[in-house]
């Protein structure tokens, strides 16, 4: 075999081993009750993050205007404008 074929074969074997390890990991997690708790927490965190992103998106313009007004009033009070 030439060197390229040996490298390709080695890569293929390592990939198969990695896939096998991932499958075994997933099987263990599916049988393990702690895995279910982890998934539940991950879903809860995902929902919270989505809520934060939605709120930030919804509130962006009002907050932007609020802080513009605050800066304007501070500048006027300080005599900078």
Protein backbone atom coordinates (compact mmCIF):
# COMPACT_ATOMS: atom_id res chain seq x y z
CA UNK A 1 0.00 0.00 0.00
CA UNK A 2 1.14 3.49 -0.61
CA UNK A 3 1.38 6.09 2.11
CA UNK A 4 -1.87 7.86 1.16
CA UNK A 5 -3.83 4.61 1.37
CA UNK A 6 -2.33 3.87 4.78
CA UNK A 7 -3.30 7.32 6.04
CA UNK A 8 -6.83 6.95 4.67
CA UNK A 9 -7.21 3.53 6.28
CA UNK A 10 -5.89 4.82 9.59
CA UNK A 11 -8.29 7.77 9.47
CA UNK A 12 -11.19 5.45 8.66
CA UNK A 13 -10.35 3.16 11.60
CA UNK A 14 -10.02 6.10 14.01
CA UNK A 15 -13.33 7.52 12.76
CA UNK A 16 -15.06 4.17 13.28
CA UNK A 17 -13.62 3.95 16.80
CA UNK A 18 -14.81 7.46 17.58
CA UNK A 19 -18.30 6.71 16.26
CA UNK A 20 -18.39 3.54 18.35
CA UNK A 21 -17.37 5.46 21.48
CA UNK A 22 -20.05 8.09 20.84
CA UNK A 23 -22.69 5.37 20.38
CA UNK A 24 -21.64 3.71 23.63
CA UNK A 25 -21.73 7.06 25.43
CA UNK A 26 -25.25 7.79 24.15
CA UNK A 27 -26.46 4.31 25.11
CA UNK A 28 -25.09 4.72 28.63
CA UNK A 29 -26.72 8.13 28.97
CA UNK A 30 -30.08 6.83 27.77
CA UNK A 31 -30.04 4.08 30.41
CA UNK A 32 -28.80 6.39 33.14
CA UNK A 33 -31.51 8.31 35.02
CA UNK A 34 -29.08 11.15 35.65
CA UNK A 35 -28.94 11.66 31.90
CA UNK A 36 -32.66 12.44 31.88
CA UNK A 37 -32.14 15.06 34.56
CA UNK A 38 -29.32 16.58 32.54
CA UNK A 39 -31.52 16.77 29.47
CA UNK A 40 -34.33 18.36 31.48
CA UNK A 41 -31.98 21.01 32.83
CA UNK A 42 -30.56 21.63 29.36
CA UNK A 43 -34.08 22.12 27.97
CA UNK A 44 -34.96 24.43 30.84
CA UNK A 45 -31.84 26.50 30.23
CA UNK A 46 -32.60 26.61 26.50
CA UNK A 47 -36.12 27.91 27.16
CA UNK A 48 -34.78 30.56 29.56
CA UNK A 49 -32.15 31.68 27.03
CA UNK A 50 -34.76 31.87 24.27
CA UNK A 51 -36.93 33.96 26.59
CA UNK A 52 -34.06 36.31 27.38
CA UNK A 53 -33.23 36.71 23.69
CA UNK A 54 -36.89 37.35 22.83
CA UNK A 55 -37.24 39.91 25.62
CA UNK A 56 -34.01 41.64 24.65
CA UNK A 57 -35.11 41.77 21.02
CA UNK A 58 -38.53 43.11 21.96
CA UNK A 59 -37.14 45.65 24.43
CA UNK A 60 -34.16 46.82 22.34
CA UNK A 61 -35.76 49.92 20.82
CA UNK A 62 -37.52 51.12 24.01
CA UNK A 63 -34.33 50.62 26.04
CA UNK A 64 -32.26 52.37 23.39
CA UNK A 65 -34.58 55.38 23.49
CA UNK A 66 -34.66 55.37 27.30
CA UNK A 67 -30.87 55.48 27.56
CA UNK A 68 -30.63 58.13 24.84
CA UNK A 69 -32.98 60.29 26.91
CA UNK A 70 -30.97 59.63 30.06
CA UNK A 71 -27.71 60.63 28.34
CA UNK A 72 -29.36 63.72 26.87
CA UNK A 73 -30.69 64.83 30.27
CA UNK A 74 -27.35 64.17 31.98
CA UNK A 75 -25.55 66.22 29.33
CA UNK A 76 -28.08 69.05 29.65
CA UNK A 77 -27.78 69.01 33.45
CA UNK A 78 -23.99 69.03 33.26
CA UNK A 79 -24.09 71.87 30.75
CA UNK A 80 -22.38 69.89 28.01
CA UNK A 81 -24.96 70.63 25.37
